[in-house]
Amino acid sequence: MPPDYPSILNEIAEAAKSEFGKGKVANYIPALAQVPAEKFGIALETIRGEQFGWGDSEERFSIQSISKVFTLALAFRLEGENLWKRVGLEPSGNPFNSLVQLEYEQGIPRNPFINAGALVVTDVLLEHYADPKAAILEFIHTLTGQNDIAYDLEVARSERETGYTNAALVNFMKSHGNIRHSVAAVLDVYFHQCSIAMSCRELARAFLLFANHGAIPATGERILTKSQAKRLNAIMLTCGFYDEAGEFAFAVGLPGKSGVGGGIVAIIPGELAIAVWSPELNEHGNSVLGIKALEMFTTLTGMSIF
């Protein structure tokens, strides 16, 4: 008998409220600093099409680094194993925008979910698409069935005006030959992808691709091979939470990805995707309530990948 998801979400929401005030809303991107700290939503969708939600699950927010999963899926589908010649597969153990690590490793980012790695992935998309920004949105529209998901241009502008470290990362990799297009073009696409606004419900629907072994459950369309989906899930487990990936795997036990907009999406392969949004972040840049909620979810349901 499947878990009583509505009751479980309510129990999680009540308990997680005690975490309010323990984190801080991201303020290094001015547009994100305006988001009310008390926002909190949860959405769950199974591969059978069952949908459950709580709180602000229908409100769109800036997905930030969660977008790296979508661009990585596109690049992996296009490049296959050649992609890993330009970006590694190991957890970083350092902040997501570390220049020191990139210098130490001579311009090859440790993994595709730190900023440097995601910028290389963006460069790969520029090789394949005349308009990568349109291609990214089209991909997300295909995954969600929602054609009105778009870039938040105010957030993109805010990212551009404060993105000095990202500019430094791209320039450094350019000097090592690991960026093939103009620095300006790479940054423009990257800042836009981070600004994409989606709701918890839409994120859960989009991540069903990874829960369903590379095929969209609603249509049956295969986007990734089963092997590719397995590998992307592995990267999410080991690298999806900045330098807190080990703690997240220990506490929650699910592949997933977080963003400094306060969103977290996680999956149980063969079963479901769950998205949580609460903009108060811990020192690692992950949602305090989001981690608490997902830890409770795997505890209450007894479901994880382990």
C-alpha atoms as a PDB file:
ATOM      1  CA  MET A   1       0.000   0.000   0.000  1.00  0.00           C
ATOM      2  CA  PRO A   2       1.486   3.395  -0.997  1.00  0.00           C
ATOM      3  CA  PRO A   3       2.254   5.964   1.703  1.00  0.00           C
ATOM      4  CA  ASP A   4      -0.408   8.513   2.653  1.00  0.00           C
ATOM      5  CA  TYR A   5       1.412  11.389   0.977  1.00  0.00           C
ATOM      6  CA  PRO A   6      -1.037  14.195   1.926  1.00  0.00           C
ATOM      7  CA  SER A   7      -0.794  13.332   5.626  1.00  0.00           C
ATOM      8  CA  ILE A   8       2.966  12.991   5.410  1.00  0.00           C
ATOM      9  CA  LEU A   9       3.353  16.395   3.721  1.00  0.00           C
ATOM     10  CA  ASN A  10       1.189  18.006   6.396  1.00  0.00           C
ATOM     11  CA  GLU A  11       3.243  16.412   9.161  1.00  0.00           C
ATOM     12  CA  ILE A  12       6.469  17.554   7.523  1.00  0.00           C
ATOM     13  CA  ALA A  13       5.171  21.091   7.080  1.00  0.00           C
ATOM     14  CA  GLU A  14       4.138  21.393  10.716  1.00  0.00           C
ATOM     15  CA  ALA A  15       7.453  20.070  12.032  1.00  0.00           C
ATOM     16  CA  ALA A  16       9.647  21.986   9.582  1.00  0.00           C
ATOM     17  CA  LYS A  17       8.190  25.318  10.648  1.00  0.00           C
ATOM     18  CA  SER A  18      10.424  25.155  13.709  1.00  0.00           C
ATOM     19  CA  GLU A  19      13.352  25.716  11.336  1.00  0.00           C
ATOM     20  CA  PHE A  20      12.183  29.199  10.303  1.00  0.00           C
ATOM     21  CA  GLY A  21      14.745  31.836  11.197  1.00  0.00           C
ATOM     22  CA  LYS A  22      17.704  29.446  11.241  1.00  0.00           C
ATOM     23  CA  GLY A  23      18.959  30.483   7.801  1.00  0.00           C
ATOM     24  CA  LYS A  24      19.366  33.602   5.685  1.00  0.00           C
ATOM     25  CA  VAL A  25      17.915  34.545   2.311  1.00  0.00           C
ATOM     26  CA  ALA A  26      20.626  34.857  -0.372  1.00  0.00           C
ATOM     27  CA  ASN A  27      21.599  38.511  -0.599  1.00  0.00           C
ATOM     28  CA  TYR A  28      24.635  38.506  -2.886  1.00  0.00           C
ATOM     29  CA  ILE A  29      22.205  38.562  -5.819  1.00  0.00           C
ATOM     30  CA  PRO A  30      20.063  41.630  -5.035  1.00  0.00           C
ATOM     31  CA  ALA A  31      16.934  40.323  -6.784  1.00  0.00           C
ATOM     32  CA  LEU A  32      16.935  37.221  -4.582  1.00  0.00           C
ATOM     33  CA  ALA A  33      17.231  39.275  -1.410  1.00  0.00           C
ATOM     34  CA  GLN A  34      13.708  40.605  -2.010  1.00  0.00           C
ATOM     35  CA  VAL A  35      12.048  37.181  -1.632  1.00  0.00           C
ATOM     36  CA  PRO A  36      10.037  36.861   1.631  1.00  0.00           C
ATOM     37  CA  ALA A  37      11.836  34.514   4.024  1.00  0.00           C
ATOM     38  CA  GLU A  38       8.604  32.805   5.159  1.00  0.00           C
ATOM     39  CA  LYS A  39       7.794  31.260   1.779  1.00  0.00           C
ATOM     40  CA  PHE A  40       7.504  27.458   2.015  1.00  0.00           C
ATOM     41  CA  GLY A  41       6.124  24.976  -0.496  1.00  0.00           C
ATOM     42  CA  ILE A  42       6.321  21.241  -1.179  1.00  0.00           C
ATOM     43  CA  ALA A  43       5.194  19.318  -4.261  1.00  0.00           C
ATOM     44  CA  LEU A  44       5.410  15.626  -5.023  1.00  0.00           C
ATOM     45  CA  GLU A  45       4.580  13.764  -8.224  1.00  0.00           C
ATOM     46  CA  THR A  46       4.820  10.044  -8.891  1.00  0.00           C
ATOM     47  CA  ILE A  47       5.686   8.502 -12.237  1.00  0.00           C
ATOM     48  CA  ARG A  48       2.072   7.240 -12.289  1.00  0.00           C
ATOM     49  CA  GLY A  49       0.888  10.861 -12.443  1.00  0.00           C
ATOM     50  CA  GLU A  50      -0.283  11.326  -8.852  1.00  0.00           C
ATOM     51  CA  GLN A  51       0.244  14.899  -7.632  1.00  0.00           C
ATOM     52  CA  PHE A  52       0.375  16.242  -4.089  1.00  0.00           C
ATOM     53  CA  GLY A  53       1.239  19.708  -2.831  1.00  0.00           C
ATOM     54  CA  TRP A  54       1.409  21.878   0.259  1.00  0.00           C
ATOM     55  CA  GLY A  55       1.822  25.597   0.900  1.00  0.00           C
ATOM     56  CA  ASP A  56       3.469  27.761  -1.772  1.00  0.00           C
ATOM     57  CA  SER A  57       3.926  24.817  -4.151  1.00  0.00           C
ATOM     58  CA  GLU A  58       2.378  26.661  -7.112  1.00  0.00           C
ATOM     59  CA  GLU A  59       4.399  29.885  -6.763  1.00  0.00           C
ATOM     60  CA  ARG A  60       7.324  30.308  -9.127  1.00  0.00           C
ATOM     61  CA  PHE A  61      10.772  31.238  -7.845  1.00  0.00           C
ATOM     62  CA  SER A  62      14.295  31.496  -9.237  1.00  0.00           C
ATOM     63  CA  ILE A  63      15.600  27.941  -9.566  1.00  0.00           C
ATOM     64  CA  GLN A  64      19.248  29.045  -9.783  1.00  0.00           C
ATOM     65  CA  SER A  65      21.608  26.017  -9.712  1.00  0.00           C
ATOM     66  CA  ILE A  66      18.806  23.504 -10.157  1.00  0.00           C
ATOM     67  CA  SER A  67      18.981  24.621 -13.794  1.00  0.00           C
ATOM     68  CA  LYS A  68      22.390  22.939 -14.009  1.00  0.00           C
ATOM     69  CA  VAL A  69      20.659  19.551 -14.099  1.00  0.00           C
ATOM     70  CA  PHE A  70      18.676  20.530 -17.186  1.00  0.00           C
ATOM     71  CA  THR A  71      21.666  21.938 -19.068  1.00  0.00           C
ATOM     72  CA  LEU A  72      23.778  18.920 -18.090  1.00  0.00           C
ATOM     73  CA  ALA A  73      21.096  16.554 -19.409  1.00  0.00           C
ATOM     74  CA  LEU A  74      21.074  18.447 -22.716  1.00  0.00           C
ATOM     75  CA  ALA A  75      24.871  18.467 -22.992  1.00  0.00           C
ATOM     76  CA  PHE A  76      25.239  14.795 -22.030  1.00  0.00           C
ATOM     77  CA  ARG A  77      22.641  13.820 -24.612  1.00  0.00           C
ATOM     78  CA  LEU A  78      24.556  15.767 -27.269  1.00  0.00           C
ATOM     79  CA  GLU A  79      28.155  14.975 -26.325  1.00  0.00           C
ATOM     80  CA  GLY A  80      27.974  11.579 -24.650  1.00  0.00           C
ATOM     81  CA  GLU A  81      31.145  10.459 -22.903  1.00  0.00           C
ATOM     82  CA  ASN A  82      33.205  13.184 -24.597  1.00  0.00           C
ATOM     83  CA  LEU A  83      31.713  15.633 -22.120  1.00  0.00           C
ATOM     84  CA  TRP A  84      33.819  14.215 -19.284  1.00  0.00           C
ATOM     85  CA  LYS A  85      37.038  15.248 -21.030  1.00  0.00           C
ATOM     86  CA  ARG A  86      36.196  18.837 -20.117  1.00  0.00           C
ATOM     87  CA  VAL A  87      34.557  18.472 -16.716  1.00  0.00           C
ATOM     88  CA  GLY A  88      35.147  15.999 -13.894  1.00  0.00           C
ATOM     89  CA  LEU A  89      32.855  13.790 -11.827  1.00  0.00           C
ATOM     90  CA  GLU A  90      34.168  14.174  -8.289  1.00  0.00           C
ATOM     91  CA  PRO A  91      32.613  16.030  -5.336  1.00  0.00           C
ATOM     92  CA  SER A  92      34.354  19.339  -4.786  1.00  0.00           C
ATOM     93  CA  GLY A  93      34.562  19.738  -1.008  1.00  0.00           C
ATOM     94  CA  ASN A  94      34.935  23.465  -1.685  1.00  0.00           C
ATOM     95  CA  PRO A  95      32.502  26.355  -2.193  1.00  0.00           C
ATOM     96  CA  PHE A  96      30.584  26.218  -5.471  1.00  0.00           C
ATOM     97  CA  ASN A  97      32.416  29.247  -6.886  1.00  0.00           C
ATOM     98  CA  SER A  98      35.959  28.346  -5.798  1.00  0.00           C
ATOM     99  CA  LEU A  99      38.734  29.810  -7.938  1.00  0.00           C
ATOM    100  CA  VAL A 100      41.434  28.104  -5.903  1.00  0.00           C
ATOM    101  CA  GLN A 101      40.284  24.618  -6.843  1.00  0.00           C
ATOM    102  CA  LEU A 102      39.984  25.522 -10.520  1.00  0.00           C
ATOM    103  CA  GLU A 103      43.546  26.872 -10.547  1.00  0.00           C
ATOM    104  CA  TYR A 104      44.837  23.775  -8.793  1.00  0.00           C
ATOM    105  CA  GLU A 105      43.186  21.554 -11.401  1.00  0.00           C
ATOM    106  CA  GLN A 106      44.351  23.654 -14.365  1.00  0.00           C
ATOM    107  CA  GLY A 107      41.007  24.773 -15.697  1.00  0.00           C
ATOM    108  CA  ILE A 108      39.148  21.421 -15.563  1.00  0.00           C
ATOM    109  CA  PRO A 109      36.204  21.828 -13.144  1.00  0.00           C
ATOM    110  CA  ARG A 110      35.790  19.135 -10.516  1.00  0.00           C
ATOM    111  CA  ASN A 111      32.149  18.411 -11.462  1.00  0.00           C
ATOM    112  CA  PRO A 112      29.330  19.872 -13.590  1.00  0.00           C
ATOM    113  CA  PHE A 113      27.329  21.271 -10.660  1.00  0.00           C
ATOM    114  CA  ILE A 114      29.874  23.717  -9.279  1.00  0.00           C
ATOM    115  CA  ASN A 115      29.747  27.026 -11.132  1.00  0.00           C
ATOM    116  CA  ALA A 116      32.877  26.403 -13.187  1.00  0.00           C
ATOM    117  CA  GLY A 117      31.561  23.039 -14.373  1.00  0.00           C
ATOM    118  CA  ALA A 118      28.169  24.472 -15.264  1.00  0.00           C
ATOM    119  CA  LEU A 119      29.883  27.221 -17.259  1.00  0.00           C
ATOM    120  CA  VAL A 120      31.729  24.584 -19.307  1.00  0.00           C
ATOM    121  CA  VAL A 121      28.400  22.822 -19.897  1.00  0.00           C
ATOM    122  CA  THR A 122      26.972  26.147 -21.088  1.00  0.00           C
ATOM    123  CA  ASP A 123      29.913  26.492 -23.483  1.00  0.00           C
ATOM    124  CA  VAL A 124      29.087  23.023 -24.854  1.00  0.00           C
ATOM    125  CA  LEU A 125      25.506  24.108 -25.554  1.00  0.00           C
ATOM    126  CA  LEU A 126      26.817  27.097 -27.494  1.00  0.00           C
ATOM    127  CA  GLU A 127      28.550  24.626 -29.822  1.00  0.00           C
ATOM    128  CA  HIS A 128      25.308  22.843 -30.629  1.00  0.00           C
ATOM    129  CA  TYR A 129      22.603  25.511 -30.582  1.00  0.00           C
ATOM    130  CA  ALA A 130      22.367  28.798 -32.445  1.00  0.00           C
ATOM    131  CA  ASP A 131      20.100  29.990 -29.610  1.00  0.00           C
ATOM    132  CA  PRO A 132      20.922  28.056 -26.432  1.00  0.00           C
ATOM    133  CA  LYS A 133      18.592  30.172 -24.297  1.00  0.00           C
ATOM    134  CA  ALA A 134      15.635  29.164 -26.443  1.00  0.00           C
ATOM    135  CA  ALA A 135      16.780  25.521 -26.474  1.00  0.00           C
ATOM    136  CA  ILE A 136      16.973  25.383 -22.661  1.00  0.00           C
ATOM    137  CA  LEU A 137      13.446  26.736 -22.267  1.00  0.00           C
ATOM    138  CA  GLU A 138      12.105  24.415 -24.960  1.00  0.00           C
ATOM    139  CA  PHE A 139      13.621  21.458 -23.111  1.00  0.00           C
ATOM    140  CA  ILE A 140      11.978  22.486 -19.848  1.00  0.00           C
ATOM    141  CA  HIS A 141       8.663  23.045 -21.635  1.00  0.00           C
ATOM    142  CA  THR A 142       8.910  19.502 -22.990  1.00  0.00           C
ATOM    143  CA  LEU A 143       9.603  18.053 -19.534  1.00  0.00           C
ATOM    144  CA  THR A 144       6.816  19.948 -17.770  1.00  0.00           C
ATOM    145  CA  GLY A 145       4.155  20.422 -20.440  1.00  0.00           C
ATOM    146  CA  GLN A 146       4.156  24.097 -19.377  1.00  0.00           C
ATOM    147  CA  ASN A 147       4.982  26.468 -22.225  1.00  0.00           C
ATOM    148  CA  ASP A 148       4.906  29.658 -20.161  1.00  0.00           C
ATOM    149  CA  ILE A 149       7.983  28.905 -18.037  1.00  0.00           C
ATOM    150  CA  ALA A 150      10.434  31.705 -18.782  1.00  0.00           C
ATOM    151  CA  TYR A 151      13.490  33.625 -17.664  1.00  0.00           C
ATOM    152  CA  ASP A 152      13.110  36.195 -14.914  1.00  0.00           C
ATOM    153  CA  LEU A 153      14.867  39.067 -16.649  1.00  0.00           C
ATOM    154  CA  GLU A 154      15.212  41.090 -13.451  1.00  0.00           C
ATOM    155  CA  VAL A 155      17.067  38.214 -11.797  1.00  0.00           C
ATOM    156  CA  ALA A 156      19.224  37.706 -14.912  1.00  0.00           C
ATOM    157  CA  ARG A 157      20.148  41.399 -14.879  1.00  0.00           C
ATOM    158  CA  SER A 158      20.954  41.219 -11.175  1.00  0.00           C
ATOM    159  CA  GLU A 159      23.150  38.163 -11.787  1.00  0.00           C
ATOM    160  CA  ARG A 160      25.003  39.937 -14.574  1.00  0.00           C
ATOM    161  CA  GLU A 161      25.639  43.044 -12.495  1.00  0.00           C
ATOM    162  CA  THR A 162      27.107  41.069  -9.587  1.00  0.00           C
ATOM    163  CA  GLY A 163      28.630  38.062 -11.369  1.00  0.00           C
ATOM    164  CA  TYR A 164      32.289  38.997 -11.024  1.00  0.00           C
ATOM    165  CA  THR A 165      33.413  35.632  -9.692  1.00  0.00           C
ATOM    166  CA  ASN A 166      31.645  33.764 -12.474  1.00  0.00           C
ATOM    167  CA  ALA A 167      33.347  36.065 -14.980  1.00  0.00           C
ATOM    168  CA  ALA A 168      36.683  35.261 -13.360  1.00  0.00           C
ATOM    169  CA  LEU A 169      35.977  31.517 -13.599  1.00  0.00           C
ATOM    170  CA  VAL A 170      35.146  31.724 -17.309  1.00  0.00           C
ATOM    171  CA  ASN A 171      38.194  33.853 -18.085  1.00  0.00           C
ATOM    172  CA  PHE A 172      40.458  31.485 -16.178  1.00  0.00           C
ATOM    173  CA  MET A 173      39.099  28.443 -18.049  1.00  0.00           C
ATOM    174  CA  LYS A 174      39.352  30.369 -21.322  1.00  0.00           C
ATOM    175  CA  SER A 175      43.054  30.886 -20.625  1.00  0.00           C
ATOM    176  CA  HIS A 176      43.402  27.094 -20.253  1.00  0.00           C
ATOM    177  CA  GLY A 177      41.515  26.372 -23.489  1.00  0.00           C
ATOM    178  CA  ASN A 178      38.459  24.877 -21.798  1.00  0.00           C
ATOM    179  CA  ILE A 179      36.068  27.625 -22.976  1.00  0.00           C
ATOM    180  CA  ARG A 180      35.654  27.830 -26.754  1.00  0.00           C
ATOM    181  CA  HIS A 181      33.177  30.677 -27.125  1.00  0.00           C
ATOM    182  CA  SER A 182      33.292  34.268 -26.020  1.00  0.00           C
ATOM    183  CA  VAL A 183      33.235  34.930 -22.294  1.00  0.00           C
ATOM    184  CA  ALA A 184      30.299  37.307 -22.788  1.00  0.00           C
ATOM    185  CA  ALA A 185      28.229  34.692 -24.650  1.00  0.00           C
ATOM    186  CA  VAL A 186      28.833  32.000 -22.019  1.00  0.00           C
ATOM    187  CA  LEU A 187      27.969  34.326 -19.147  1.00  0.00           C
ATOM    188  CA  ASP A 188      24.820  35.593 -20.861  1.00  0.00           C
ATOM    189  CA  VAL A 189      23.398  32.090 -21.268  1.00  0.00           C
ATOM    190  CA  TYR A 190      24.490  31.063 -17.777  1.00  0.00           C
ATOM    191  CA  PHE A 191      22.951  34.063 -16.027  1.00  0.00           C
ATOM    192  CA  HIS A 192      19.699  33.495 -17.876  1.00  0.00           C
ATOM    193  CA  GLN A 193      19.512  29.772 -17.094  1.00  0.00           C
ATOM    194  CA  CYS A 194      19.958  30.507 -13.381  1.00  0.00           C
ATOM    195  CA  SER A 195      17.102  33.022 -13.527  1.00  0.00           C
ATOM    196  CA  ILE A 196      14.487  30.533 -14.769  1.00  0.00           C
ATOM    197  CA  ALA A 197      11.364  30.753 -12.620  1.00  0.00           C
ATOM    198  CA  MET A 198       9.511  27.531 -11.802  1.00  0.00           C
ATOM    199  CA  SER A 199       7.215  26.283  -9.063  1.00  0.00           C
ATOM    200  CA  CYS A 200       7.734  23.237  -6.877  1.00  0.00           C
ATOM    201  CA  ARG A 201       5.015  21.472  -8.853  1.00  0.00           C
ATOM    202  CA  GLU A 202       6.761  22.199 -12.154  1.00  0.00           C
ATOM    203  CA  LEU A 203      10.151  21.141 -10.811  1.00  0.00           C
ATOM    204  CA  ALA A 204       8.767  17.854  -9.513  1.00  0.00           C
ATOM    205  CA  ARG A 205       7.184  17.195 -12.901  1.00  0.00           C
ATOM    206  CA  ALA A 206      10.415  18.027 -14.751  1.00  0.00           C
ATOM    207  CA  PHE A 207      12.541  15.756 -12.545  1.00  0.00           C
ATOM    208  CA  LEU A 208      10.330  12.758 -13.263  1.00  0.00           C
ATOM    209  CA  LEU A 209      12.600  12.328 -16.289  1.00  0.00           C
ATOM    210  CA  PHE A 210      15.378  11.264 -13.911  1.00  0.00           C
ATOM    211  CA  ALA A 211      13.073   9.208 -11.692  1.00  0.00           C
ATOM    212  CA  ASN A 212      11.771   7.373 -14.775  1.00  0.00           C
ATOM    213  CA  HIS A 213      15.178   6.286 -16.085  1.00  0.00           C
ATOM    214  CA  GLY A 214      15.431   8.920 -18.843  1.00  0.00           C
ATOM    215  CA  ALA A 215      11.899   8.876 -20.282  1.00  0.00           C
ATOM    216  CA  ILE A 216       9.074  11.358 -19.694  1.00  0.00           C
ATOM    217  CA  PRO A 217       6.312   9.390 -17.921  1.00  0.00           C
ATOM    218  CA  ALA A 218       3.430  11.418 -19.338  1.00  0.00           C
ATOM    219  CA  THR A 219       4.437  10.921 -22.989  1.00  0.00           C
ATOM    220  CA  GLY A 220       6.871   8.020 -23.000  1.00  0.00           C
ATOM    221  CA  GLU A 221       9.389  10.133 -24.933  1.00  0.00           C
ATOM    222  CA  ARG A 222      12.925   8.968 -24.219  1.00  0.00           C
ATOM    223  CA  ILE A 223      15.310  11.857 -23.627  1.00  0.00           C
ATOM    224  CA  LEU A 224      18.251   9.999 -22.098  1.00  0.00           C
ATOM    225  CA  THR A 225      19.349   6.395 -22.244  1.00  0.00           C
ATOM    226  CA  LYS A 226      18.864   4.401 -19.054  1.00  0.00           C
ATOM    227  CA  SER A 227      22.628   4.460 -18.579  1.00  0.00           C
ATOM    228  CA  GLN A 228      22.797   8.238 -18.973  1.00  0.00           C
ATOM    229  CA  ALA A 229      19.945   8.748 -16.507  1.00  0.00           C
ATOM    230  CA  LYS A 230      21.658   6.454 -13.997  1.00  0.00           C
ATOM    231  CA  ARG A 231      24.873   8.437 -14.292  1.00  0.00           C
ATOM    232  CA  LEU A 232      23.188  11.812 -13.915  1.00  0.00           C
ATOM    233  CA  ASN A 233      21.410  10.542 -10.808  1.00  0.00           C
ATOM    234  CA  ALA A 234      24.771   9.440  -9.427  1.00  0.00           C
ATOM    235  CA  ILE A 235      26.221  12.918 -10.019  1.00  0.00           C
ATOM    236  CA  MET A 236      23.218  14.467  -8.262  1.00  0.00           C
ATOM    237  CA  LEU A 237      23.786  12.219  -5.238  1.00  0.00           C
ATOM    238  CA  THR A 238      27.509  12.950  -4.954  1.00  0.00           C
ATOM    239  CA  CYS A 239      27.690  16.560  -6.176  1.00  0.00           C
ATOM    240  CA  GLY A 240      24.199  18.063  -6.075  1.00  0.00           C
ATOM    241  CA  PHE A 241      24.457  20.008  -2.811  1.00  0.00           C
ATOM    242  CA  TYR A 242      27.658  22.028  -3.079  1.00  0.00           C
ATOM    243  CA  ASP A 243      30.052  21.091  -0.277  1.00  0.00           C
ATOM    244  CA  GLU A 244      27.219  19.546   1.779  1.00  0.00           C
ATOM    245  CA  ALA A 245      26.620  16.614  -0.589  1.00  0.00           C
ATOM    246  CA  GLY A 246      27.913  14.000   1.838  1.00  0.00           C
ATOM    247  CA  GLU A 247      25.779  15.280   4.694  1.00  0.00           C
ATOM    248  CA  PHE A 248      22.699  15.376   2.456  1.00  0.00           C
ATOM    249  CA  ALA A 249      23.265  11.788   1.289  1.00  0.00           C
ATOM    250  CA  PHE A 250      23.716  10.734   4.924  1.00  0.00           C
ATOM    251  CA  ALA A 251      20.609  12.541   6.197  1.00  0.00           C
ATOM    252  CA  VAL A 252      18.251  12.168   3.233  1.00  0.00           C
ATOM    253  CA  GLY A 253      19.581   9.438   0.952  1.00  0.00           C
ATOM    254  CA  LEU A 254      18.225  10.721  -2.362  1.00  0.00           C
ATOM    255  CA  PRO A 255      19.785  12.097  -5.554  1.00  0.00           C
ATOM    256  CA  GLY A 256      18.857  15.732  -6.026  1.00  0.00           C
ATOM    257  CA  LYS A 257      19.903  19.301  -6.655  1.00  0.00           C
ATOM    258  CA  SER A 258      19.627  22.517  -4.718  1.00  0.00           C
ATOM    259  CA  GLY A 259      19.753  26.182  -5.674  1.00  0.00           C
ATOM    260  CA  VAL A 260      20.407  29.384  -3.748  1.00  0.00           C
ATOM    261  CA  GLY A 261      16.874  30.509  -4.585  1.00  0.00           C
ATOM    262  CA  GLY A 262      15.879  28.073  -1.822  1.00  0.00           C
ATOM    263  CA  GLY A 263      14.687  25.210  -3.991  1.00  0.00           C
ATOM    264  CA  ILE A 264      15.626  21.547  -3.663  1.00  0.00           C
ATOM    265  CA  VAL A 265      14.434  18.726  -5.927  1.00  0.00           C
ATOM    266  CA  ALA A 266      15.074  15.056  -5.173  1.00  0.00           C
ATOM    267  CA  ILE A 267      14.024  11.773  -6.733  1.00  0.00           C
ATOM    268  CA  ILE A 268      13.360   8.169  -5.865  1.00  0.00           C
ATOM    269  CA  PRO A 269      14.169   6.211  -9.044  1.00  0.00           C
ATOM    270  CA  GLY A 270      11.199   4.299 -10.340  1.00  0.00           C
ATOM    271  CA  GLU A 271       8.803   6.102  -8.045  1.00  0.00           C
ATOM    272  CA  LEU A 272       8.654   9.898  -7.672  1.00  0.00           C
ATOM    273  CA  ALA A 273      10.150  13.379  -7.625  1.00  0.00           C
ATOM    274  CA  ILE A 274       9.696  15.826  -4.755  1.00  0.00           C
ATOM    275  CA  ALA A 275      10.469  19.558  -4.729  1.00  0.00           C
ATOM    276  CA  VAL A 276      10.712  21.861  -1.723  1.00  0.00           C
ATOM    277  CA  TRP A 277      11.098  25.643  -1.631  1.00  0.00           C
ATOM    278  CA  SER A 278      12.105  27.771   1.346  1.00  0.00           C
ATOM    279  CA  PRO A 279      14.506  30.663   0.679  1.00  0.00           C
ATOM    280  CA  GLU A 280      16.356  30.677   4.016  1.00  0.00           C
ATOM    281  CA  LEU A 281      19.764  29.091   3.381  1.00  0.00           C
ATOM    282  CA  ASN A 282      22.403  27.509   5.593  1.00  0.00           C
ATOM    283  CA  GLU A 283      26.118  28.299   5.360  1.00  0.00           C
ATOM    284  CA  HIS A 284      26.501  25.920   2.400  1.00  0.00           C
ATOM    285  CA  GLY A 285      23.828  27.661   0.317  1.00  0.00           C
ATOM    286  CA  ASN A 286      21.166  24.981   0.815  1.00  0.00           C
ATOM    287  CA  SER A 287      17.617  25.528   2.074  1.00  0.00           C
ATOM    288  CA  VAL A 288      17.375  24.892   5.818  1.00  0.00           C
ATOM    289  CA  LEU A 289      13.695  23.907   5.716  1.00  0.00           C
ATOM    290  CA  GLY A 290      14.198  22.029   2.469  1.00  0.00           C
ATOM    291  CA  ILE A 291      16.778  19.684   3.958  1.00  0.00           C
ATOM    292  CA  LYS A 292      14.689  19.210   7.096  1.00  0.00           C
ATOM    293  CA  ALA A 293      11.591  18.428   5.017  1.00  0.00           C
ATOM    294  CA  LEU A 294      13.348  15.883   2.814  1.00  0.00           C
ATOM    295  CA  GLU A 295      15.029  14.209   5.780  1.00  0.00           C
ATOM    296  CA  MET A 296      11.608  13.820   7.376  1.00  0.00           C
ATOM    297  CA  PHE A 297      10.128  12.570   4.102  1.00  0.00           C
ATOM    298  CA  THR A 298      12.537   9.659   3.770  1.00  0.00           C
ATOM    299  CA  THR A 299      12.167   8.885   7.484  1.00  0.00           C
ATOM    300  CA  LEU A 300       8.364   8.918   7.488  1.00  0.00           C
ATOM    301  CA  THR A 301       7.968   6.990   4.233  1.00  0.00           C
ATOM    302  CA  GLY A 302      10.887   4.629   4.777  1.00  0.00           C
ATOM    303  CA  MET A 303      11.862   5.341   1.165  1.00  0.00           C
ATOM    304  CA  SER A 304      15.361   6.172  -0.054  1.00  0.00           C
ATOM    305  CA  ILE A 305      17.795   4.712  -2.553  1.00  0.00           C
ATOM    306  CA  PHE A 306      19.613   2.800   0.184  1.00  0.00           C
END
